[in-house]
Protein backbone atom coordinates (compact mmCIF):
# COMPACT_ATOMS: atom_id res chain seq x y z
CA MET A 1 85.78 -58.51 74.68
CA VAL A 2 87.39 -58.59 78.35
CA GLU A 3 85.97 -56.40 80.73
CA ARG A 4 88.92 -53.86 80.47
CA GLU A 5 88.74 -53.28 77.06
CA ARG A 6 84.03 -52.98 77.70
CA ASP A 7 85.35 -50.67 81.17
CA TYR A 8 87.02 -48.71 78.55
CA ILE A 9 84.06 -48.08 76.16
CA LEU A 10 81.61 -47.09 78.30
CA THR A 11 84.28 -44.64 79.68
CA LEU A 12 84.91 -43.44 76.20
CA ILE A 13 80.68 -43.36 75.49
CA GLU A 14 80.68 -41.11 79.37
CA GLU A 15 82.95 -38.93 77.98
CA TYR A 16 81.05 -38.13 74.72
CA ARG A 17 78.16 -38.05 77.10
CA ARG A 18 79.51 -35.17 78.99
CA GLY A 19 81.10 -33.51 76.37
CA ARG A 20 84.93 -34.36 76.45
CA SER A 21 84.96 -36.60 73.46
CA THR A 22 83.89 -36.26 69.97
CA LEU A 23 81.75 -38.35 68.23
CA ARG A 24 85.22 -39.50 65.62
CA THR A 25 87.10 -40.41 69.22
CA LEU A 26 84.09 -42.54 69.64
CA THR A 27 83.55 -44.19 65.86
CA ALA A 28 87.64 -44.58 65.62
CA TYR A 29 87.77 -46.64 68.70
CA PHE A 30 84.80 -48.33 67.10
CA LYS A 31 86.44 -48.95 63.51
CA GLY A 32 89.22 -50.47 64.68
CA PHE A 33 87.76 -53.31 67.72
CA ILE A 34 85.20 -53.92 64.08
CA TYR A 35 87.39 -53.84 61.20
CA ARG A 36 89.97 -56.22 63.98
CA LEU A 37 87.29 -58.94 64.15
CA GLY A 38 86.74 -58.87 61.20
CA ASN A 39 82.78 -57.78 61.05
CA GLU A 40 82.03 -57.00 57.10
CA TYR A 41 78.31 -56.10 57.94
CA LEU A 42 78.86 -53.64 61.27
CA ALA A 43 82.65 -51.65 58.96
CA GLU A 44 79.72 -51.33 56.08
CA GLN A 45 77.30 -49.42 58.66
CA ARG A 46 76.08 -45.89 58.39
CA PHE A 47 76.89 -44.81 61.48
CA ILE A 48 80.46 -46.50 61.28
CA GLU A 49 81.19 -44.49 57.30
CA PRO A 50 77.97 -42.02 57.87
CA TYR A 51 79.89 -40.05 54.64
CA PRO A 52 82.79 -40.15 52.56
CA GLU A 53 85.93 -39.59 54.12
CA GLU A 54 86.42 -35.61 52.25
CA LEU A 55 83.80 -34.15 54.14
CA GLU A 56 84.71 -35.26 57.18
CA TYR A 57 87.15 -32.43 57.37
CA VAL A 58 84.52 -30.05 55.82
CA GLU A 59 82.06 -30.86 59.09
CA ASN A 60 85.28 -30.74 60.68
CA SER A 61 86.16 -26.86 59.30
CA LEU A 62 82.47 -25.74 59.98
CA THR A 63 81.24 -24.01 63.03
CA SER A 64 77.57 -24.59 64.97
CA ASP A 65 76.25 -22.02 62.57
CA GLY A 66 77.52 -23.13 59.64
CA ASN A 67 80.54 -20.81 59.03
CA ARG A 68 83.75 -21.72 58.43
CA ARG A 69 86.19 -21.21 61.76
CA LYS A 70 88.85 -18.73 61.10
CA SER A 71 92.40 -20.09 61.18
């Protein structure tokens, strides 16, 4: 990992910490990085793929109290 990549990762984490980015943004970046490196162990971690892809879209359509978002 080069310094520029490290700085970008730290920026993404800071943006998430401040509430300006989503966890999905972080995991998407890490997925690409992990797959590029070909690290199967990391690719299989629950943090990267916590649930089936079909459920990801269900979660994103719910509000914090569990109700569906209005379209």
